[in-house]
Amino acid sequence: MNFIHEARHLVGHTVRVITVHGTFTGTLLSVGNDFLVMRVRIGGRLRRLLIRLALIIALFRFFGSFSTGYERSPHASNDDDDFLEQYLLDDE
């Protein structure tokens, strides 16, 4: 089994994605060959977020109460905020 195959089993579920730029929690919408799409709440708004698979450290199903969104990595630089803006799409 490879990462893409396993990730596709989590579509429709609440997941936590740990990347080199931070941690995202939300609903996994789809998994492609190069990226995944999830719905997260950032700044009080629901957004669709595209994350390149090459940036993912871990992906797992999330159980329990939480607030969907983005947690910045303590090791992230200010340039990482630019990275985040490049991958946000309004979910209207």
PDB file of N, CA and C in Angstrom:
ATOM      1  N   MET A   1       0.841  -1.182   0.000  1.00  0.00           N
ATOM      2  CA  MET A   1       0.000   0.000   0.000  1.00  0.00           C
ATOM      3  C   MET A   1       0.889   1.248   0.000  1.00  0.00           C
ATOM      4  N   ASN A   2       0.481   2.248  -0.787  1.00  0.00           N
ATOM      5  CA  ASN A   2       1.240   3.488  -0.783  1.00  0.00           C
ATOM      6  C   ASN A   2       0.437   4.611  -0.128  1.00  0.00           C
ATOM      7  N   PHE A   3       1.062   5.751   0.029  1.00  0.00           N
ATOM      8  CA  PHE A   3       0.453   6.876   0.734  1.00  0.00           C
ATOM      9  C   PHE A   3      -0.852   7.315   0.081  1.00  0.00           C
ATOM     10  N   ILE A   4      -0.858   7.456  -1.235  1.00  0.00           N
ATOM     11  CA  ILE A   4      -2.054   7.927  -1.935  1.00  0.00           C
ATOM     12  C   ILE A   4      -3.213   6.971  -1.715  1.00  0.00           C
ATOM     13  N   HIS A   5      -2.961   5.690  -1.836  1.00  0.00           N
ATOM     14  CA  HIS A   5      -4.005   4.679  -1.633  1.00  0.00           C
ATOM     15  C   HIS A   5      -4.580   4.778  -0.226  1.00  0.00           C
ATOM     16  N   GLU A   6      -3.727   4.865   0.760  1.00  0.00           N
ATOM     17  CA  GLU A   6      -4.179   4.955   2.155  1.00  0.00           C
ATOM     18  C   GLU A   6      -4.919   6.267   2.411  1.00  0.00           C
ATOM     19  N   ALA A   7      -4.424   7.367   1.859  1.00  0.00           N
ATOM     20  CA  ALA A   7      -5.061   8.673   2.061  1.00  0.00           C
ATOM     21  C   ALA A   7      -6.465   8.696   1.466  1.00  0.00           C
ATOM     22  N   ARG A   8      -6.664   8.044   0.340  1.00  0.00           N
ATOM     23  CA  ARG A   8      -7.993   8.031  -0.292  1.00  0.00           C
ATOM     24  C   ARG A   8      -9.034   7.346   0.580  1.00  0.00           C
ATOM     25  N   HIS A   9      -8.617   6.461   1.464  1.00  0.00           N
ATOM     26  CA  HIS A   9      -9.550   5.830   2.406  1.00  0.00           C
ATOM     27  C   HIS A   9     -10.055   6.831   3.445  1.00  0.00           C
ATOM     28  N   LEU A  10      -9.388   7.957   3.594  1.00  0.00           N
ATOM     29  CA  LEU A  10      -9.764   8.958   4.595  1.00  0.00           C
ATOM     30  C   LEU A  10     -10.619  10.094   4.026  1.00  0.00           C
ATOM     31  N   VAL A  11     -10.903  10.070   2.727  1.00  0.00           N
ATOM     32  CA  VAL A  11     -11.717  11.121   2.109  1.00  0.00           C
ATOM     33  C   VAL A  11     -13.089  11.152   2.784  1.00  0.00           C
ATOM     34  N   GLY A  12     -13.526  12.364   3.134  1.00  0.00           N
ATOM     35  CA  GLY A  12     -14.806  12.554   3.808  1.00  0.00           C
ATOM     36  C   GLY A  12     -14.707  12.568   5.319  1.00  0.00           C
ATOM     37  N   HIS A  13     -13.546  12.207   5.844  1.00  0.00           N
ATOM     38  CA  HIS A  13     -13.333  12.167   7.291  1.00  0.00           C
ATOM     39  C   HIS A  13     -12.560  13.404   7.755  1.00  0.00           C
ATOM     40  N   THR A  14     -12.654  13.662   9.048  1.00  0.00           N
ATOM     41  CA  THR A  14     -11.843  14.712   9.652  1.00  0.00           C
ATOM     42  C   THR A  14     -10.434  14.172   9.838  1.00  0.00           C
ATOM     43  N   VAL A  15      -9.462  14.919   9.348  1.00  0.00           N
ATOM     44  CA  VAL A  15      -8.070  14.477   9.404  1.00  0.00           C
ATOM     45  C   VAL A  15      -7.189  15.590   9.952  1.00  0.00           C
ATOM     46  N   ARG A  16      -6.023  15.199  10.380  1.00  0.00           N
ATOM     47  CA  ARG A  16      -4.970  16.152  10.743  1.00  0.00           C
ATOM     48  C   ARG A  16      -3.804  15.866   9.806  1.00  0.00           C
ATOM     49  N   VAL A  17      -3.300  16.932   9.179  1.00  0.00           N
ATOM     50  CA  VAL A  17      -2.177  16.826   8.251  1.00  0.00           C
ATOM     51  C   VAL A  17      -1.022  17.632   8.826  1.00  0.00           C
ATOM     52  N   ILE A  18       0.089  16.970   9.066  1.00  0.00           N
ATOM     53  CA  ILE A  18       1.289  17.642   9.546  1.00  0.00           C
ATOM     54  C   ILE A  18       2.208  17.825   8.346  1.00  0.00           C
ATOM     55  N   THR A  19       2.569  19.088   8.080  1.00  0.00           N
ATOM     56  CA  THR A  19       3.446  19.394   6.952  1.00  0.00           C
ATOM     57  C   THR A  19       4.704  20.079   7.467  1.00  0.00           C
ATOM     58  N   VAL A  20       5.612  20.334   6.565  1.00  0.00           N
ATOM     59  CA  VAL A  20       6.828  21.053   6.935  1.00  0.00           C
ATOM     60  C   VAL A  20       6.525  22.505   7.292  1.00  0.00           C
ATOM     61  N   HIS A  21       5.324  22.990   6.964  1.00  0.00           N
ATOM     62  CA  HIS A  21       4.949  24.380   7.225  1.00  0.00           C
ATOM     63  C   HIS A  21       3.979  24.549   8.382  1.00  0.00           C
ATOM     64  N   GLY A  22       3.463  23.476   8.920  1.00  0.00           N
ATOM     65  CA  GLY A  22       2.501  23.576  10.011  1.00  0.00           C
ATOM     66  C   GLY A  22       1.541  22.404   9.998  1.00  0.00           C
ATOM     67  N   THR A  23       0.534  22.490  10.861  1.00  0.00           N
ATOM     68  CA  THR A  23      -0.444  21.419  11.013  1.00  0.00           C
ATOM     69  C   THR A  23      -1.818  21.939  10.634  1.00  0.00           C
ATOM     70  N   PHE A  24      -2.550  21.153   9.853  1.00  0.00           N
ATOM     71  CA  PHE A  24      -3.879  21.523   9.392  1.00  0.00           C
ATOM     72  C   PHE A  24      -4.865  20.456   9.841  1.00  0.00           C
ATOM     73  N   THR A  25      -6.027  20.889  10.327  1.00  0.00           N
ATOM     74  CA  THR A  25      -7.077  19.966  10.730  1.00  0.00           C
ATOM     75  C   THR A  25      -8.345  20.366   9.999  1.00  0.00           C
ATOM     76  N   GLY A  26      -8.992  19.403   9.363  1.00  0.00           N
ATOM     77  CA  GLY A  26     -10.220  19.687   8.627  1.00  0.00           C
ATOM     78  C   GLY A  26     -10.728  18.441   7.941  1.00  0.00           C
ATOM     79  N   THR A  27     -11.638  18.634   7.002  1.00  0.00           N
ATOM     80  CA  THR A  27     -12.239  17.527   6.269  1.00  0.00           C
ATOM     81  C   THR A  27     -11.454  17.278   4.993  1.00  0.00           C
ATOM     82  N   LEU A  28     -11.034  16.048   4.796  1.00  0.00           N
ATOM     83  CA  LEU A  28     -10.319  15.683   3.575  1.00  0.00           C
ATOM     84  C   LEU A  28     -11.338  15.535   2.452  1.00  0.00           C
ATOM     85  N   LEU A  29     -11.181  16.332   1.389  1.00  0.00           N
ATOM     86  CA  LEU A  29     -12.131  16.332   0.285  1.00  0.00           C
ATOM     87  C   LEU A  29     -11.710  15.422  -0.859  1.00  0.00           C
ATOM     88  N   SER A  30     -10.422  15.412  -1.184  1.00  0.00           N
ATOM     89  CA  SER A  30      -9.949  14.553  -2.272  1.00  0.00           C
ATOM     90  C   SER A  30      -8.439  14.390  -2.188  1.00  0.00           C
ATOM     91  N   VAL A  31      -7.965  13.356  -2.878  1.00  0.00           N
ATOM     92  CA  VAL A  31      -6.531  13.073  -2.934  1.00  0.00           C
ATOM     93  C   VAL A  31      -6.165  12.835  -4.392  1.00  0.00           C
ATOM     94  N   GLY A  32      -5.245  13.652  -4.907  1.00  0.00           N
ATOM     95  CA  GLY A  32      -4.764  13.482  -6.265  1.00  0.00           C
ATOM     96  C   GLY A  32      -3.401  12.813  -6.266  1.00  0.00           C
ATOM     97  N   ASN A  33      -2.756  12.808  -7.409  1.00  0.00           N
ATOM     98  CA  ASN A  33      -1.433  12.196  -7.511  1.00  0.00           C
ATOM     99  C   ASN A  33      -0.332  13.072  -6.928  1.00  0.00           C
ATOM    100  N   ASP A  34      -0.552  14.403  -6.883  1.00  0.00           N
ATOM    101  CA  ASP A  34       0.469  15.334  -6.408  1.00  0.00           C
ATOM    102  C   ASP A  34       0.050  16.170  -5.205  1.00  0.00           C
ATOM    103  N   PHE A  35      -1.241  16.208  -4.902  1.00  0.00           N
ATOM    104  CA  PHE A  35      -1.720  17.050  -3.811  1.00  0.00           C
ATOM    105  C   PHE A  35      -3.011  16.486  -3.244  1.00  0.00           C
ATOM    106  N   LEU A  36      -3.370  16.985  -2.065  1.00  0.00           N
ATOM    107  CA  LEU A  36      -4.679  16.663  -1.503  1.00  0.00           C
ATOM    108  C   LEU A  36      -5.429  17.962  -1.266  1.00  0.00           C
ATOM    109  N   VAL A  37      -6.743  17.852  -1.177  1.00  0.00           N
ATOM    110  CA  VAL A  37      -7.606  19.007  -0.954  1.00  0.00           C
ATOM    111  C   VAL A  37      -8.373  18.760   0.333  1.00  0.00           C
ATOM    112  N   MET A  38      -8.356  19.766   1.212  1.00  0.00           N
ATOM    113  CA  MET A  38      -9.129  19.646   2.443  1.00  0.00           C
ATOM    114  C   MET A  38      -9.837  20.954   2.739  1.00  0.00           C
ATOM    115  N   ARG A  39     -10.901  20.873   3.537  1.00  0.00           N
ATOM    116  CA  ARG A  39     -11.636  22.059   3.974  1.00  0.00           C
ATOM    117  C   ARG A  39     -11.204  22.370   5.393  1.00  0.00           C
ATOM    118  N   VAL A  40     -10.713  23.581   5.602  1.00  0.00           N
ATOM    119  CA  VAL A  40     -10.250  24.021   6.921  1.00  0.00           C
ATOM    120  C   VAL A  40     -10.858  25.389   7.225  1.00  0.00           C
ATOM    121  N   ARG A  41     -10.868  25.738   8.485  1.00  0.00           N
ATOM    122  CA  ARG A  41     -11.325  27.071   8.893  1.00  0.00           C
ATOM    123  C   ARG A  41     -10.087  27.881   9.270  1.00  0.00           C
ATOM    124  N   ILE A  42      -9.876  28.975   8.542  1.00  0.00           N
ATOM    125  CA  ILE A  42      -8.739  29.858   8.791  1.00  0.00           C
ATOM    126  C   ILE A  42      -9.269  31.281   8.853  1.00  0.00           C
ATOM    127  N   GLY A  43      -8.974  31.965   9.936  1.00  0.00           N
ATOM    128  CA  GLY A  43      -9.454  33.331  10.097  1.00  0.00           C
ATOM    129  C   GLY A  43     -10.968  33.417  10.135  1.00  0.00           C
ATOM    130  N   GLY A  44     -11.623  32.384  10.656  1.00  0.00           N
ATOM    131  CA  GLY A  44     -13.074  32.383  10.766  1.00  0.00           C
ATOM    132  C   GLY A  44     -13.812  32.024   9.493  1.00  0.00           C
ATOM    133  N   ARG A  45     -13.095  31.756   8.421  1.00  0.00           N
ATOM    134  CA  ARG A  45     -13.726  31.417   7.137  1.00  0.00           C
ATOM    135  C   ARG A  45     -13.366  30.008   6.719  1.00  0.00           C
ATOM    136  N   LEU A  46     -14.341  29.315   6.137  1.00  0.00           N
ATOM    137  CA  LEU A  46     -14.052  28.002   5.574  1.00  0.00           C
ATOM    138  C   LEU A  46     -13.286  28.194   4.280  1.00  0.00           C
ATOM    139  N   ARG A  47     -12.226  27.442   4.127  1.00  0.00           N
ATOM    140  CA  ARG A  47     -11.375  27.525   2.935  1.00  0.00           C
ATOM    141  C   ARG A  47     -11.088  26.124   2.424  1.00  0.00           C
ATOM    142  N   ARG A  48     -10.854  26.043   1.127  1.00  0.00           N
ATOM    143  CA  ARG A  48     -10.309  24.810   0.561  1.00  0.00           C
ATOM    144  C   ARG A  48      -8.808  24.990   0.494  1.00  0.00           C
ATOM    145  N   LEU A  49      -8.096  24.010   0.979  1.00  0.00           N
ATOM    146  CA  LEU A  49      -6.645  24.090   1.045  1.00  0.00           C
ATOM    147  C   LEU A  49      -6.050  22.967   0.207  1.00  0.00           C
ATOM    148  N   LEU A  50      -5.145  23.315  -0.685  1.00  0.00           N
ATOM    149  CA  LEU A  50      -4.403  22.333  -1.480  1.00  0.00           C
ATOM    150  C   LEU A  50      -3.035  22.169  -0.845  1.00  0.00           C
ATOM    151  N   ILE A  51      -2.659  20.939  -0.569  1.00  0.00           N
ATOM    152  CA  ILE A  51      -1.353  20.674   0.037  1.00  0.00           C
ATOM    153  C   ILE A  51      -0.611  19.679  -0.850  1.00  0.00           C
ATOM    154  N   ARG A  52       0.580  20.064  -1.277  1.00  0.00           N
ATOM    155  CA  ARG A  52       1.409  19.151  -2.076  1.00  0.00           C
ATOM    156  C   ARG A  52       1.799  17.948  -1.234  1.00  0.00           C
ATOM    157  N   LEU A  53       1.681  16.765  -1.792  1.00  0.00           N
ATOM    158  CA  LEU A  53       2.015  15.544  -1.058  1.00  0.00           C
ATOM    159  C   LEU A  53       3.470  15.540  -0.612  1.00  0.00           C
ATOM    160  N   ALA A  54       4.346  16.164  -1.387  1.00  0.00           N
ATOM    161  CA  ALA A  54       5.772  16.190  -1.048  1.00  0.00           C
ATOM    162  C   ALA A  54       6.046  16.957   0.244  1.00  0.00           C
ATOM    163  N   LEU A  55       5.100  17.796   0.688  1.00  0.00           N
ATOM    164  CA  LEU A  55       5.286  18.593   1.902  1.00  0.00           C
ATOM    165  C   LEU A  55       4.729  17.914   3.151  1.00  0.00           C
ATOM    166  N   ILE A  56       4.036  16.796   2.968  1.00  0.00           N
ATOM    167  CA  ILE A  56       3.359  16.142   4.088  1.00  0.00           C
ATOM    168  C   ILE A  56       4.315  15.236   4.850  1.00  0.00           C
ATOM    169  N   ILE A  57       4.311  15.415   6.165  1.00  0.00           N
ATOM    170  CA  ILE A  57       5.083  14.548   7.060  1.00  0.00           C
ATOM    171  C   ILE A  57       4.198  13.418   7.562  1.00  0.00           C
ATOM    172  N   ALA A  58       2.945  13.744   7.933  1.00  0.00           N
ATOM    173  CA  ALA A  58       2.021  12.732   8.452  1.00  0.00           C
ATOM    174  C   ALA A  58       0.584  13.138   8.153  1.00  0.00           C
ATOM    175  N   LEU A  59      -0.263  12.140   7.965  1.00  0.00           N
ATOM    176  CA  LEU A  59      -1.693  12.325   7.755  1.00  0.00           C
ATOM    177  C   LEU A  59      -2.401  11.263   8.566  1.00  0.00           C
ATOM    178  N   PHE A  60      -3.364  11.677   9.389  1.00  0.00           N
ATOM    179  CA  PHE A  60      -4.106  10.678  10.148  1.00  0.00           C
ATOM    180  C   PHE A  60      -5.516  11.155  10.424  1.00  0.00           C
ATOM    181  N   ARG A  61      -6.417  10.188  10.622  1.00  0.00           N
ATOM    182  CA  ARG A  61      -7.796  10.502  10.968  1.00  0.00           C
ATOM    183  C   ARG A  61      -7.817  11.094  12.360  1.00  0.00           C
ATOM    184  N   PHE A  62      -8.650  12.110  12.527  1.00  0.00           N
ATOM    185  CA  PHE A  62      -8.689  12.836  13.790  1.00  0.00           C
ATOM    186  C   PHE A  62     -10.012  12.565  14.485  1.00  0.00           C
ATOM    187  N   PHE A  63      -9.952  12.175  15.755  1.00  0.00           N
ATOM    188  CA  PHE A  63     -11.138  11.925  16.565  1.00  0.00           C
ATOM    189  C   PHE A  63     -11.162  12.922  17.707  1.00  0.00           C
ATOM    190  N   GLY A  64     -12.339  13.274  18.179  1.00  0.00           N
ATOM    191  CA  GLY A  64     -12.453  14.157  19.335  1.00  0.00           C
ATOM    192  C   GLY A  64     -12.881  15.550  18.951  1.00  0.00           C
ATOM    193  N   SER A  65     -13.031  16.399  19.954  1.00  0.00           N
ATOM    194  CA  SER A  65     -13.452  17.773  19.689  1.00  0.00           C
ATOM    195  C   SER A  65     -12.232  18.613  19.324  1.00  0.00           C
ATOM    196  N   PHE A  66     -12.438  19.544  18.420  1.00  0.00           N
ATOM    197  CA  PHE A  66     -11.348  20.381  17.948  1.00  0.00           C
ATOM    198  C   PHE A  66     -11.938  21.545  17.179  1.00  0.00           C
ATOM    199  N   SER A  67     -11.116  22.461  16.856  1.00  0.00           N
ATOM    200  CA  SER A  67     -11.472  23.553  15.963  1.00  0.00           C
ATOM    201  C   SER A  67     -10.663  23.350  14.690  1.00  0.00           C
ATOM    202  N   THR A  68     -11.338  23.209  13.555  1.00  0.00           N
ATOM    203  CA  THR A  68     -10.596  23.013  12.314  1.00  0.00           C
ATOM    204  C   THR A  68      -9.765  24.245  12.027  1.00  0.00           C
ATOM    205  N   GLY A  69      -8.619  24.056  11.467  1.00  0.00           N
ATOM    206  CA  GLY A  69      -7.802  25.204  11.131  1.00  0.00           C
ATOM    207  C   GLY A  69      -6.355  24.883  10.920  1.00  0.00           C
ATOM    208  N   TYR A  70      -5.547  25.892  11.147  1.00  0.00           N
ATOM    209  CA  TYR A  70      -4.121  25.848  10.853  1.00  0.00           C
ATOM    210  C   TYR A  70      -3.347  26.192  12.106  1.00  0.00           C
ATOM    211  N   GLU A  71      -2.362  25.371  12.422  1.00  0.00           N
ATOM    212  CA  GLU A  71      -1.441  25.657  13.521  1.00  0.00           C
ATOM    213  C   GLU A  71      -0.064  25.825  12.916  1.00  0.00           C
ATOM    214  N   ARG A  72       0.500  26.995  13.083  1.00  0.00           N
ATOM    215  CA  ARG A  72       1.807  27.275  12.496  1.00  0.00           C
ATOM    216  C   ARG A  72       2.889  26.483  13.216  1.00  0.00           C
ATOM    217  N   SER A  73       3.785  25.936  12.456  1.00  0.00           N
ATOM    218  CA  SER A  73       4.911  25.208  13.020  1.00  0.00           C
ATOM    219  C   SER A  73       5.815  26.174  13.774  1.00  0.00           C
ATOM    220  N   PRO A  74       6.316  25.785  14.950  1.00  0.00           N
ATOM    221  CA  PRO A  74       7.233  26.673  15.663  1.00  0.00           C
ATOM    222  C   PRO A  74       8.544  26.879  14.907  1.00  0.00           C
ATOM    223  N   HIS A  75       8.800  26.027  13.926  1.00  0.00           N
ATOM    224  CA  HIS A  75      10.032  26.128  13.136  1.00  0.00           C
ATOM    225  C   HIS A  75       9.817  26.882  11.829  1.00  0.00           C
ATOM    226  N   ALA A  76       8.585  27.360  11.606  1.00  0.00           N
ATOM    227  CA  ALA A  76       8.262  28.024  10.345  1.00  0.00           C
ATOM    228  C   ALA A  76       8.841  29.434  10.317  1.00  0.00           C
ATOM    229  N   SER A  77       9.180  29.882   9.118  1.00  0.00           N
ATOM    230  CA  SER A  77       9.664  31.253   8.939  1.00  0.00           C
ATOM    231  C   SER A  77       8.503  32.133   8.483  1.00  0.00           C
ATOM    232  N   ASN A  78       8.721  33.438   8.428  1.00  0.00           N
ATOM    233  CA  ASN A  78       7.679  34.345   7.952  1.00  0.00           C
ATOM    234  C   ASN A  78       7.326  34.083   6.499  1.00  0.00           C
ATOM    235  N   ASP A  79       8.246  33.523   5.730  1.00  0.00           N
ATOM    236  CA  ASP A  79       7.972  33.185   4.337  1.00  0.00           C
ATOM    237  C   ASP A  79       6.900  32.115   4.232  1.00  0.00           C
ATOM    238  N   ASP A  80       6.703  31.349   5.294  1.00  0.00           N
ATOM    239  CA  ASP A  80       5.708  30.287   5.256  1.00  0.00           C
ATOM    240  C   ASP A  80       4.295  30.844   5.170  1.00  0.00           C
ATOM    241  N   ASP A  81       4.061  32.063   5.661  1.00  0.00           N
ATOM    242  CA  ASP A  81       2.746  32.668   5.524  1.00  0.00           C
ATOM    243  C   ASP A  81       2.431  32.922   4.053  1.00  0.00           C
ATOM    244  N   ASP A  82       3.446  33.270   3.262  1.00  0.00           N
ATOM    245  CA  ASP A  82       3.258  33.424   1.825  1.00  0.00           C
ATOM    246  C   ASP A  82       2.902  32.087   1.200  1.00  0.00           C
ATOM    247  N   PHE A  83       3.547  31.023   1.658  1.00  0.00           N
ATOM    248  CA  PHE A  83       3.238  29.679   1.182  1.00  0.00           C
ATOM    249  C   PHE A  83       1.774  29.366   1.409  1.00  0.00           C
ATOM    250  N   LEU A  84       1.287  29.657   2.607  1.00  0.00           N
ATOM    251  CA  LEU A  84      -0.093  29.345   2.953  1.00  0.00           C
ATOM    252  C   LEU A  84      -1.054  30.092   2.047  1.00  0.00           C
ATOM    253  N   GLU A  85      -0.811  31.361   1.802  1.00  0.00           N
ATOM    254  CA  GLU A  85      -1.707  32.147   0.960  1.00  0.00           C
ATOM    255  C   GLU A  85      -1.759  31.608  -0.471  1.00  0.00           C
ATOM    256  N   GLN A  86      -0.676  31.034  -0.950  1.00  0.00           N
ATOM    257  CA  GLN A  86      -0.656  30.502  -2.309  1.00  0.00           C
ATOM    258  C   GLN A  86      -1.605  29.328  -2.470  1.00  0.00           C
ATOM    259  N   TYR A  87      -1.899  28.619  -1.404  1.00  0.00           N
ATOM    260  CA  TYR A  87      -2.675  27.390  -1.501  1.00  0.00           C
ATOM    261  C   TYR A  87      -4.093  27.520  -0.964  1.00  0.00           C
ATOM    262  N   LEU A  88      -4.506  28.708  -0.532  1.00  0.00           N
ATOM    263  CA  LEU A  88      -5.860  28.901  -0.025  1.00  0.00           C
ATOM    264  C   LEU A  88      -6.802  29.285  -1.157  1.00  0.00           C
ATOM    265  N   LEU A  89      -7.975  28.686  -1.148  1.00  0.00           N
ATOM    266  CA  LEU A  89      -9.019  29.032  -2.103  1.00  0.00           C
ATOM    267  C   LEU A  89     -10.286  29.306  -1.315  1.00  0.00           C
ATOM    268  N   ASP A  90     -10.988  30.395  -1.615  1.00  0.00           N
ATOM    269  CA  ASP A  90     -12.256  30.658  -0.935  1.00  0.00           C
ATOM    270  C   ASP A  90     -13.230  29.533  -1.232  1.00  0.00           C
ATOM    271  N   ASP A  91     -13.940  29.101  -0.226  1.00  0.00           N
ATOM    272  CA  ASP A  91     -14.925  28.033  -0.385  1.00  0.00           C
ATOM    273  C   ASP A  91     -16.307  28.660  -0.316  1.00  0.00           C
ATOM    274  N   GLU A  92     -16.793  29.094  -1.451  1.00  0.00           N
ATOM    275  CA  GLU A  92     -18.087  29.785  -1.479  1.00  0.00           C
ATOM    276  C   GLU A  92     -19.122  28.983  -2.192  1.00  0.00           C
TER     277      GLU A  92
END
